[in-house]
All heavy atoms as atom14 arrays in JSON, in Angstrom:
{
  "sequence": "VKVGAGVVHGYRGEYRDKIPFNGSGYAPAIVAAVGYCYLRLCSEIV",
  "atom14_mask": [
    [1, 1, 1, 1, 1, 1, 1, 0, 0, 0, 0, 0, 0, 0],
    [1, 1, 1, 1, 1, 1, 1, 1, 1, 0, 0, 0, 0, 0],
    [1, 1, 1, 1, 1, 1, 1, 0, 0, 0, 0, 0, 0, 0],
    [1, 1, 1, 1, 0, 0, 0, 0, 0, 0, 0, 0, 0, 0],
    [1, 1, 1, 1, 1, 0, 0, 0, 0, 0, 0, 0, 0, 0],
    [1, 1, 1, 1, 0, 0, 0, 0, 0, 0, 0, 0, 0, 0],
    [1, 1, 1, 1, 1, 1, 1, 0, 0, 0, 0, 0, 0, 0],
    [1, 1, 1, 1, 1, 1, 1, 0, 0, 0, 0, 0, 0, 0],
    [1, 1, 1, 1, 1, 1, 1, 1, 1, 1, 0, 0, 0, 0],
    [1, 1, 1, 1, 0, 0, 0, 0, 0, 0, 0, 0, 0, 0],
    [1, 1, 1, 1, 1, 1, 1, 1, 1, 1, 1, 1, 0, 0],
    [1, 1, 1, 1, 1, 1, 1, 1, 1, 1, 1, 0, 0, 0],
    [1, 1, 1, 1, 0, 0, 0, 0, 0, 0, 0, 0, 0, 0],
    [1, 1, 1, 1, 1, 1, 1, 1, 1, 0, 0, 0, 0, 0],
    [1, 1, 1, 1, 1, 1, 1, 1, 1, 1, 1, 1, 0, 0],
    [1, 1, 1, 1, 1, 1, 1, 1, 1, 1, 1, 0, 0, 0],
    [1, 1, 1, 1, 1, 1, 1, 1, 0, 0, 0, 0, 0, 0],
    [1, 1, 1, 1, 1, 1, 1, 1, 1, 0, 0, 0, 0, 0],
    [1, 1, 1, 1, 1, 1, 1, 1, 0, 0, 0, 0, 0, 0],
    [1, 1, 1, 1, 1, 1, 1, 0, 0, 0, 0, 0, 0, 0],
    [1, 1, 1, 1, 1, 1, 1, 1, 1, 1, 1, 0, 0, 0],
    [1, 1, 1, 1, 1, 1, 1, 1, 0, 0, 0, 0, 0, 0],
    [1, 1, 1, 1, 0, 0, 0, 0, 0, 0, 0, 0, 0, 0],
    [1, 1, 1, 1, 1, 1, 0, 0, 0, 0, 0, 0, 0, 0],
    [1, 1, 1, 1, 0, 0, 0, 0, 0, 0, 0, 0, 0, 0],
    [1, 1, 1, 1, 1, 1, 1, 1, 1, 1, 1, 1, 0, 0],
    [1, 1, 1, 1, 1, 0, 0, 0, 0, 0, 0, 0, 0, 0],
    [1, 1, 1, 1, 1, 1, 1, 0, 0, 0, 0, 0, 0, 0],
    [1, 1, 1, 1, 1, 0, 0, 0, 0, 0, 0, 0, 0, 0],
    [1, 1, 1, 1, 1, 1, 1, 1, 0, 0, 0, 0, 0, 0],
    [1, 1, 1, 1, 1, 1, 1, 0, 0, 0, 0, 0, 0, 0],
    [1, 1, 1, 1, 1, 0, 0, 0, 0, 0, 0, 0, 0, 0],
    [1, 1, 1, 1, 1, 0, 0, 0, 0, 0, 0, 0, 0, 0],
    [1, 1, 1, 1, 1, 1, 1, 0, 0, 0, 0, 0, 0, 0],
    [1, 1, 1, 1, 0, 0, 0, 0, 0, 0, 0, 0, 0, 0],
    [1, 1, 1, 1, 1, 1, 1, 1, 1, 1, 1, 1, 0, 0],
    [1, 1, 1, 1, 1, 1, 0, 0, 0, 0, 0, 0, 0, 0],
    [1, 1, 1, 1, 1, 1, 1, 1, 1, 1, 1, 1, 0, 0],
    [1, 1, 1, 1, 1, 1, 1, 1, 0, 0, 0, 0, 0, 0],
    [1, 1, 1, 1, 1, 1, 1, 1, 1, 1, 1, 0, 0, 0],
    [1, 1, 1, 1, 1, 1, 1, 1, 0, 0, 0, 0, 0, 0],
    [1, 1, 1, 1, 1, 1, 0, 0, 0, 0, 0, 0, 0, 0],
    [1, 1, 1, 1, 1, 1, 0, 0, 0, 0, 0, 0, 0, 0],
    [1, 1, 1, 1, 1, 1, 1, 1, 1, 0, 0, 0, 0, 0],
    [1, 1, 1, 1, 1, 1, 1, 1, 0, 0, 0, 0, 0, 0],
    [1, 1, 1, 1, 1, 1, 1, 0, 0, 0, 0, 0, 0, 0]
  ],
  "atom14_positions": [
    [[-90.98, 79.57, 77.47], [-90.38, 80.67, 76.71], [-90.13, 81.81, 77.68], [-90.97, 82.09, 78.54], [-91.33, 81.14, 75.58], [-90.77, 82.34, 74.85], [-91.63, 80.02, 74.62], [0.0, 0.0, 0.0], [0.0, 0.0, 0.0], [0.0, 0.0, 0.0], [0.0, 0.0, 0.0], [0.0, 0.0, 0.0], [0.0, 0.0, 0.0], [0.0, 0.0, 0.0]],
    [[-88.96, 82.45, 77.57], [-88.62, 83.59, 78.42], [-88.2, 84.76, 77.55], [-87.62, 84.57, 76.49], [-87.45, 83.26, 79.35], [-87.76, 82.31, 80.43], [-86.73, 82.25, 81.53], [-85.32, 82.12, 81.1], [-84.38, 81.9, 82.23], [0.0, 0.0, 0.0], [0.0, 0.0, 0.0], [0.0, 0.0, 0.0], [0.0, 0.0, 0.0], [0.0, 0.0, 0.0]],
    [[-88.47, 85.95, 78.02], [-87.99, 87.17, 77.38], [-87.33, 88.02, 78.46], [-87.91, 88.25, 79.52], [-89.15, 87.98, 76.73], [-88.64, 89.27, 76.14], [-89.83, 87.14, 75.66], [0.0, 0.0, 0.0], [0.0, 0.0, 0.0], [0.0, 0.0, 0.0], [0.0, 0.0, 0.0], [0.0, 0.0, 0.0], [0.0, 0.0, 0.0], [0.0, 0.0, 0.0]],
    [[-86.1, 88.43, 78.2], [-85.36, 89.25, 79.15], [-85.0, 90.59, 78.52], [-84.82, 90.69, 77.3], [0.0, 0.0, 0.0], [0.0, 0.0, 0.0], [0.0, 0.0, 0.0], [0.0, 0.0, 0.0], [0.0, 0.0, 0.0], [0.0, 0.0, 0.0], [0.0, 0.0, 0.0], [0.0, 0.0, 0.0], [0.0, 0.0, 0.0], [0.0, 0.0, 0.0]],
    [[-84.92, 91.61, 79.33], [-84.59, 92.95, 78.83], [-83.58, 93.6, 79.78], [-83.55, 93.3, 80.97], [-85.83, 93.81, 78.72], [0.0, 0.0, 0.0], [0.0, 0.0, 0.0], [0.0, 0.0, 0.0], [0.0, 0.0, 0.0], [0.0, 0.0, 0.0], [0.0, 0.0, 0.0], [0.0, 0.0, 0.0], [0.0, 0.0, 0.0], [0.0, 0.0, 0.0]],
    [[-82.77, 94.47, 79.21], [-81.79, 95.16, 80.01], [-81.08, 96.23, 79.21], [-81.56, 96.65, 78.16], [0.0, 0.0, 0.0], [0.0, 0.0, 0.0], [0.0, 0.0, 0.0], [0.0, 0.0, 0.0], [0.0, 0.0, 0.0], [0.0, 0.0, 0.0], [0.0, 0.0, 0.0], [0.0, 0.0, 0.0], [0.0, 0.0, 0.0], [0.0, 0.0, 0.0]],
    [[-79.94, 96.65, 79.7], [-79.16, 97.71, 79.06], [-77.77, 97.17, 78.72], [-77.14, 96.5, 79.53], [-79.03, 98.93, 80.0], [-78.16, 100.0, 79.37], [-80.39, 99.49, 80.33], [0.0, 0.0, 0.0], [0.0, 0.0, 0.0], [0.0, 0.0, 0.0], [0.0, 0.0, 0.0], [0.0, 0.0, 0.0], [0.0, 0.0, 0.0], [0.0, 0.0, 0.0]],
    [[-77.32, 97.45, 77.5], [-75.99, 97.05, 77.04], [-75.1, 98.28, 77.09], [-75.5, 99.37, 76.69], [-76.06, 96.5, 75.59], [-74.68, 96.15, 75.1], [-76.96, 95.3, 75.53], [0.0, 0.0, 0.0], [0.0, 0.0, 0.0], [0.0, 0.0, 0.0], [0.0, 0.0, 0.0], [0.0, 0.0, 0.0], [0.0, 0.0, 0.0], [0.0, 0.0, 0.0]],
    [[-73.87, 98.09, 77.59], [-72.93, 99.2, 77.71], [-71.56, 98.76, 77.21], [-71.17, 97.61, 77.39], [-72.81, 99.64, 79.17], [-71.7, 100.61, 79.42], [-71.71, 101.88, 78.91], [-70.56, 100.48, 80.13], [-70.61, 102.49, 79.3], [-69.88, 101.66, 80.04], [0.0, 0.0, 0.0], [0.0, 0.0, 0.0], [0.0, 0.0, 0.0], [0.0, 0.0, 0.0]],
    [[-70.82, 99.65, 76.57], [-69.45, 99.34, 76.21], [-69.16, 99.3, 74.72], [-68.03, 99.11, 74.33], [0.0, 0.0, 0.0], [0.0, 0.0, 0.0], [0.0, 0.0, 0.0], [0.0, 0.0, 0.0], [0.0, 0.0, 0.0], [0.0, 0.0, 0.0], [0.0, 0.0, 0.0], [0.0, 0.0, 0.0], [0.0, 0.0, 0.0], [0.0, 0.0, 0.0]],
    [[-70.16, 99.45, 73.88], [-69.93, 99.47, 72.44], [-69.51, 100.87, 72.03], [-70.32, 101.76, 71.88], [-71.19, 99.05, 71.67], [-71.43, 97.56, 71.72], [-72.08, 96.97, 72.78], [-70.99, 96.76, 70.68], [-72.3, 95.61, 72.82], [-71.22, 95.4, 70.7], [-71.87, 94.83, 71.78], [-72.09, 93.48, 71.82], [0.0, 0.0, 0.0], [0.0, 0.0, 0.0]],
    [[-68.19, 101.07, 71.86], [-67.65, 102.39, 71.53], [-66.75, 102.28, 70.31], [-66.44, 101.19, 69.84], [-66.84, 102.92, 72.69], [-67.66, 103.17, 73.92], [-66.83, 103.78, 75.02], [-67.66, 103.96, 76.21], [-67.2, 103.97, 77.42], [-65.92, 103.83, 77.64], [-68.01, 104.13, 78.43], [0.0, 0.0, 0.0], [0.0, 0.0, 0.0], [0.0, 0.0, 0.0]],
    [[-66.3, 103.42, 69.83], [-65.37, 103.46, 68.71], [-65.96, 102.86, 67.44], [-67.08, 103.2, 67.05], [0.0, 0.0, 0.0], [0.0, 0.0, 0.0], [0.0, 0.0, 0.0], [0.0, 0.0, 0.0], [0.0, 0.0, 0.0], [0.0, 0.0, 0.0], [0.0, 0.0, 0.0], [0.0, 0.0, 0.0], [0.0, 0.0, 0.0], [0.0, 0.0, 0.0]],
    [[-65.24, 101.93, 66.84], [-65.69, 101.34, 65.57], [-66.92, 100.45, 65.75], [-67.6, 100.14, 64.78], [-64.56, 100.55, 64.92], [-64.11, 99.35, 65.74], [-63.0, 98.58, 65.07], [-63.26, 97.87, 64.08], [-61.85, 98.72, 65.54], [0.0, 0.0, 0.0], [0.0, 0.0, 0.0], [0.0, 0.0, 0.0], [0.0, 0.0, 0.0], [0.0, 0.0, 0.0]],
    [[-67.21, 100.01, 66.98], [-68.36, 99.13, 67.24], [-69.61, 99.89, 67.66], [-70.64, 99.29, 67.91], [-68.01, 98.11, 68.32], [-66.82, 97.26, 67.95], [-65.59, 97.47, 68.55], [-66.93, 96.29, 66.98], [-64.5, 96.71, 68.2], [-65.85, 95.52, 66.62], [-64.62, 95.73, 67.23], [-63.54, 94.98, 66.87], [0.0, 0.0, 0.0], [0.0, 0.0, 0.0]],
    [[-69.54, 101.2, 67.71], [-70.64, 102.02, 68.21], [-71.93, 101.83, 67.42], [-73.02, 101.8, 67.98], [-70.24, 103.48, 68.19], [-71.28, 104.38, 68.79], [-70.8, 105.81, 68.79], [-71.8, 106.64, 69.4], [-71.55, 107.66, 70.16], [-70.31, 108.0, 70.38], [-72.52, 108.36, 70.69], [0.0, 0.0, 0.0], [0.0, 0.0, 0.0], [0.0, 0.0, 0.0]],
    [[-71.83, 101.66, 66.1], [-73.02, 101.52, 65.26], [-73.46, 100.07, 65.06], [-74.33, 99.8, 64.24], [-72.77, 102.17, 63.9], [-72.55, 103.68, 64.03], [-73.16, 104.28, 64.93], [-71.78, 104.23, 63.23], [0.0, 0.0, 0.0], [0.0, 0.0, 0.0], [0.0, 0.0, 0.0], [0.0, 0.0, 0.0], [0.0, 0.0, 0.0], [0.0, 0.0, 0.0]],
    [[-72.88, 99.14, 65.79], [-73.24, 97.73, 65.64], [-74.59, 97.4, 66.28], [-75.2, 96.4, 65.94], [-72.16, 96.82, 66.25], [-70.84, 96.91, 65.55], [-70.91, 96.29, 64.18], [-69.54, 96.3, 63.53], [-69.58, 95.73, 62.2], [0.0, 0.0, 0.0], [0.0, 0.0, 0.0], [0.0, 0.0, 0.0], [0.0, 0.0, 0.0], [0.0, 0.0, 0.0]],
    [[-75.02, 98.19, 67.25], [-76.32, 97.98, 67.87], [-77.15, 99.26, 67.75], [-76.61, 100.36, 67.82], [-76.2, 97.55, 69.35], [-75.38, 98.55, 70.16], [-75.59, 96.18, 69.47], [-75.35, 98.24, 71.64], [0.0, 0.0, 0.0], [0.0, 0.0, 0.0], [0.0, 0.0, 0.0], [0.0, 0.0, 0.0], [0.0, 0.0, 0.0], [0.0, 0.0, 0.0]],
    [[-78.46, 99.14, 67.56], [-79.3, 100.32, 67.41], [-79.47, 101.1, 68.72], [-79.31, 100.55, 69.8], [-80.65, 99.76, 66.95], [-80.56, 98.3, 67.01], [-79.17, 97.91, 67.33], [0.0, 0.0, 0.0], [0.0, 0.0, 0.0], [0.0, 0.0, 0.0], [0.0, 0.0, 0.0], [0.0, 0.0, 0.0], [0.0, 0.0, 0.0], [0.0, 0.0, 0.0]],
    [[-79.79, 102.36, 68.62], [-80.08, 103.25, 69.76], [-78.88, 103.4, 70.7], [-79.03, 103.56, 71.9], [-81.29, 102.77, 70.56], [-82.5, 102.53, 69.73], [-82.99, 101.25, 69.54], [-83.16, 103.58, 69.12], [-84.11, 101.01, 68.76], [-84.28, 103.36, 68.34], [-84.75, 102.07, 68.16], [0.0, 0.0, 0.0], [0.0, 0.0, 0.0], [0.0, 0.0, 0.0]],
    [[-77.66, 103.35, 70.16], [-76.45, 103.41, 70.98], [-75.81, 104.79, 70.91], [-74.61, 104.91, 70.81], [-75.46, 102.33, 70.53], [-74.31, 102.18, 71.47], [-74.43, 102.44, 72.65], [-73.17, 101.76, 70.95], [0.0, 0.0, 0.0], [0.0, 0.0, 0.0], [0.0, 0.0, 0.0], [0.0, 0.0, 0.0], [0.0, 0.0, 0.0], [0.0, 0.0, 0.0]],
    [[-76.58, 105.85, 70.96], [-76.04, 107.19, 70.84], [-75.16, 107.61, 72.0], [-74.14, 108.26, 71.82], [0.0, 0.0, 0.0], [0.0, 0.0, 0.0], [0.0, 0.0, 0.0], [0.0, 0.0, 0.0], [0.0, 0.0, 0.0], [0.0, 0.0, 0.0], [0.0, 0.0, 0.0], [0.0, 0.0, 0.0], [0.0, 0.0, 0.0], [0.0, 0.0, 0.0]],
    [[-75.48, 107.2, 73.22], [-74.73, 107.63, 74.41], [-73.8, 106.55, 74.97], [-73.21, 106.75, 76.01], [-75.71, 108.04, 75.5], [-76.47, 106.92, 75.93], [0.0, 0.0, 0.0], [0.0, 0.0, 0.0], [0.0, 0.0, 0.0], [0.0, 0.0, 0.0], [0.0, 0.0, 0.0], [0.0, 0.0, 0.0], [0.0, 0.0, 0.0], [0.0, 0.0, 0.0]],
    [[-73.69, 105.41, 74.29], [-72.89, 104.31, 74.81], [-73.71, 103.29, 75.58], [-73.21, 102.25, 75.97], [0.0, 0.0, 0.0], [0.0, 0.0, 0.0], [0.0, 0.0, 0.0], [0.0, 0.0, 0.0], [0.0, 0.0, 0.0], [0.0, 0.0, 0.0], [0.0, 0.0, 0.0], [0.0, 0.0, 0.0], [0.0, 0.0, 0.0], [0.0, 0.0, 0.0]],
    [[-74.98, 103.59, 75.82], [-75.92, 102.68, 76.47], [-77.04, 102.4, 75.5], [-77.53, 103.31, 74.84], [-76.5, 103.3, 77.74], [-75.49, 103.51, 78.83], [-74.76, 104.68, 78.9], [-75.28, 102.53, 79.78], [-73.83, 104.88, 79.9], [-74.35, 102.72, 80.79], [-73.63, 103.9, 80.84], [-72.71, 104.1, 81.83], [0.0, 0.0, 0.0], [0.0, 0.0, 0.0]],
    [[-77.48, 101.16, 75.4], [-78.56, 100.81, 74.48], [-79.45, 99.75, 75.11], [-78.98, 98.89, 75.86], [-77.98, 100.29, 73.17], [0.0, 0.0, 0.0], [0.0, 0.0, 0.0], [0.0, 0.0, 0.0], [0.0, 0.0, 0.0], [0.0, 0.0, 0.0], [0.0, 0.0, 0.0], [0.0, 0.0, 0.0], [0.0, 0.0, 0.0], [0.0, 0.0, 0.0]],
    [[-80.75, 99.76, 74.79], [-81.64, 98.72, 75.3], [-81.38, 97.4, 74.59], [-80.99, 97.37, 73.43], [-83.04, 99.25, 74.97], [-82.83, 100.17, 73.82], [-81.47, 100.75, 73.99], [0.0, 0.0, 0.0], [0.0, 0.0, 0.0], [0.0, 0.0, 0.0], [0.0, 0.0, 0.0], [0.0, 0.0, 0.0], [0.0, 0.0, 0.0], [0.0, 0.0, 0.0]],
    [[-81.58, 96.31, 75.31], [-81.38, 94.97, 74.74], [-82.52, 94.06, 75.17], [-83.0, 94.14, 76.3], [-80.06, 94.39, 75.19], [0.0, 0.0, 0.0], [0.0, 0.0, 0.0], [0.0, 0.0, 0.0], [0.0, 0.0, 0.0], [0.0, 0.0, 0.0], [0.0, 0.0, 0.0], [0.0, 0.0, 0.0], [0.0, 0.0, 0.0], [0.0, 0.0, 0.0]],
    [[-82.95, 93.21, 74.25], [-83.98, 92.22, 74.53], [-83.47, 90.88, 74.02], [-83.0, 90.78, 72.89], [-85.31, 92.57, 73.83], [-85.84, 93.91, 74.35], [-86.34, 91.47, 74.04], [-87.05, 94.42, 73.62], [0.0, 0.0, 0.0], [0.0, 0.0, 0.0], [0.0, 0.0, 0.0], [0.0, 0.0, 0.0], [0.0, 0.0, 0.0], [0.0, 0.0, 0.0]],
    [[-83.54, 89.86, 74.86], [-83.14, 88.51, 74.47], [-84.3, 87.56, 74.72], [-85.08, 87.74, 75.66], [-81.89, 88.02, 75.21], [-80.68, 88.82, 74.81], [-82.07, 88.04, 76.69], [0.0, 0.0, 0.0], [0.0, 0.0, 0.0], [0.0, 0.0, 0.0], [0.0, 0.0, 0.0], [0.0, 0.0, 0.0], [0.0, 0.0, 0.0], [0.0, 0.0, 0.0]],
    [[-84.44, 86.57, 73.86], [-85.49, 85.56, 73.98], [-84.86, 84.2, 74.24], [-83.75, 83.92, 73.77], [-86.33, 85.51, 72.72], [0.0, 0.0, 0.0], [0.0, 0.0, 0.0], [0.0, 0.0, 0.0], [0.0, 0.0, 0.0], [0.0, 0.0, 0.0], [0.0, 0.0, 0.0], [0.0, 0.0, 0.0], [0.0, 0.0, 0.0], [0.0, 0.0, 0.0]],
    [[-85.56, 83.36, 74.98], [-85.06, 82.03, 75.29], [-86.2, 81.02, 75.22], [-87.34, 81.34, 75.53], [-84.44, 81.99, 76.67], [0.0, 0.0, 0.0], [0.0, 0.0, 0.0], [0.0, 0.0, 0.0], [0.0, 0.0, 0.0], [0.0, 0.0, 0.0], [0.0, 0.0, 0.0], [0.0, 0.0, 0.0], [0.0, 0.0, 0.0], [0.0, 0.0, 0.0]],
    [[-85.86, 79.81, 74.79], [-86.79, 78.69, 74.79], [-86.13, 77.57, 75.57], [-84.95, 77.26, 75.34], [-87.1, 78.22, 73.35], [-88.0, 77.0, 73.35], [-87.73, 79.33, 72.54], [0.0, 0.0, 0.0], [0.0, 0.0, 0.0], [0.0, 0.0, 0.0], [0.0, 0.0, 0.0], [0.0, 0.0, 0.0], [0.0, 0.0, 0.0], [0.0, 0.0, 0.0]],
    [[-86.86, 76.98, 76.5], [-86.28, 75.94, 77.33], [-87.18, 74.76, 77.52], [-88.38, 74.81, 77.25], [0.0, 0.0, 0.0], [0.0, 0.0, 0.0], [0.0, 0.0, 0.0], [0.0, 0.0, 0.0], [0.0, 0.0, 0.0], [0.0, 0.0, 0.0], [0.0, 0.0, 0.0], [0.0, 0.0, 0.0], [0.0, 0.0, 0.0], [0.0, 0.0, 0.0]],
    [[-86.57, 73.68, 78.0], [-87.31, 72.45, 78.28], [-86.71, 71.79, 79.51], [-85.48, 71.71, 79.64], [-87.23, 71.49, 77.09], [-88.05, 70.25, 77.28], [-89.42, 70.27, 77.1], [-87.46, 69.05, 77.65], [-90.19, 69.14, 77.28], [-88.21, 67.91, 77.84], [-89.57, 67.96, 77.64], [-90.34, 66.83, 77.83], [0.0, 0.0, 0.0], [0.0, 0.0, 0.0]],
    [[-87.56, 71.34, 80.42], [-87.11, 70.64, 81.62], [-87.64, 69.2, 81.61], [-88.81, 68.95, 81.33], [-87.63, 71.33, 82.88], [-86.85, 72.91, 83.21], [0.0, 0.0, 0.0], [0.0, 0.0, 0.0], [0.0, 0.0, 0.0], [0.0, 0.0, 0.0], [0.0, 0.0, 0.0], [0.0, 0.0, 0.0], [0.0, 0.0, 0.0], [0.0, 0.0, 0.0]],
    [[-86.74, 68.27, 81.9], [-87.1, 66.86, 82.05], [-86.64, 66.44, 83.45], [-85.44, 66.45, 83.73], [-86.43, 66.01, 80.98], [-86.72, 64.54, 81.12], [-87.97, 64.03, 80.81], [-85.76, 63.66, 81.61], [-88.26, 62.69, 80.95], [-86.02, 62.32, 81.75], [-87.28, 61.84, 81.43], [-87.56, 60.5, 81.57], [0.0, 0.0, 0.0], [0.0, 0.0, 0.0]],
    [[-87.61, 66.09, 84.28], [-87.35, 65.83, 85.69], [-86.65, 67.05, 86.29], [-87.23, 68.12, 86.32], [-86.54, 64.54, 85.86], [-87.22, 63.27, 85.34], [-86.29, 62.08, 85.45], [-88.52, 63.0, 86.07], [0.0, 0.0, 0.0], [0.0, 0.0, 0.0], [0.0, 0.0, 0.0], [0.0, 0.0, 0.0], [0.0, 0.0, 0.0], [0.0, 0.0, 0.0]],
    [[-85.39, 66.94, 86.73], [-84.68, 68.09, 87.3], [-83.66, 68.69, 86.35], [-82.99, 69.66, 86.68], [-83.99, 67.67, 88.6], [-85.0, 67.32, 89.7], [-84.34, 66.89, 90.98], [-83.3, 67.79, 91.37], [-82.26, 67.44, 92.1], [-82.12, 66.19, 92.51], [-81.34, 68.31, 92.44], [0.0, 0.0, 0.0], [0.0, 0.0, 0.0], [0.0, 0.0, 0.0]],
    [[-83.5, 68.11, 85.16], [-82.53, 68.57, 84.18], [-83.2, 69.53, 83.2], [-84.19, 69.18, 82.56], [-81.93, 67.38, 83.42], [-80.85, 67.69, 82.41], [-79.62, 68.25, 83.1], [-80.5, 66.44, 81.63], [0.0, 0.0, 0.0], [0.0, 0.0, 0.0], [0.0, 0.0, 0.0], [0.0, 0.0, 0.0], [0.0, 0.0, 0.0], [0.0, 0.0, 0.0]],
    [[-82.67, 70.75, 83.1], [-83.26, 71.77, 82.22], [-82.23, 72.23, 81.2], [-81.04, 72.35, 81.51], [-83.73, 72.98, 83.03], [-85.06, 72.61, 84.17], [0.0, 0.0, 0.0], [0.0, 0.0, 0.0], [0.0, 0.0, 0.0], [0.0, 0.0, 0.0], [0.0, 0.0, 0.0], [0.0, 0.0, 0.0], [0.0, 0.0, 0.0], [0.0, 0.0, 0.0]],
    [[-82.7, 72.5, 80.01], [-81.84, 73.02, 78.94], [-82.55, 74.2, 78.3], [-83.77, 74.23, 78.21], [-81.58, 71.93, 77.91], [-80.76, 72.43, 76.89], [0.0, 0.0, 0.0], [0.0, 0.0, 0.0], [0.0, 0.0, 0.0], [0.0, 0.0, 0.0], [0.0, 0.0, 0.0], [0.0, 0.0, 0.0], [0.0, 0.0, 0.0], [0.0, 0.0, 0.0]],
    [[-81.75, 75.16, 77.83], [-82.32, 76.4, 77.31], [-81.46, 76.92, 76.16], [-80.24, 76.8, 76.19], [-82.35, 77.42, 78.45], [-83.07, 78.67, 78.19], [-83.16, 79.5, 79.47], [-84.07, 79.24, 80.28], [-82.32, 80.39, 79.65], [0.0, 0.0, 0.0], [0.0, 0.0, 0.0], [0.0, 0.0, 0.0], [0.0, 0.0, 0.0], [0.0, 0.0, 0.0]],
    [[-82.1, 77.48, 75.15], [-81.4, 78.14, 74.06], [-81.78, 79.62, 74.11], [-82.95, 79.97, 74.06], [-81.76, 77.55, 72.69], [-81.3, 76.1, 72.62], [-81.14, 78.37, 71.57], [-81.68, 75.4, 71.35], [0.0, 0.0, 0.0], [0.0, 0.0, 0.0], [0.0, 0.0, 0.0], [0.0, 0.0, 0.0], [0.0, 0.0, 0.0], [0.0, 0.0, 0.0]],
    [[-80.76, 80.48, 74.25], [-80.94, 81.93, 74.31], [-80.45, 82.51, 72.99], [-79.33, 82.23, 72.58], [-80.15, 82.54, 75.49], [-80.43, 84.03, 75.6], [-80.49, 81.83, 76.78], [0.0, 0.0, 0.0], [0.0, 0.0, 0.0], [0.0, 0.0, 0.0], [0.0, 0.0, 0.0], [0.0, 0.0, 0.0], [0.0, 0.0, 0.0], [0.0, 0.0, 0.0]]
  ]
}
C-alpha cells in the first residue's frame, strides 16, 4: 500500500470549487495506491 501527497494547481474559473482548500489556485492532494508484484511484474491501482 502506498500513500502519496502533493500540490494540485490549475483548477480555476468554474472548476475552482471542485476540490477543497483551493482558495489561491493551489490545493493539497493525497492519493492512495494498492499494488501487487509477481516475480518482476507489478500492478497497481491508484
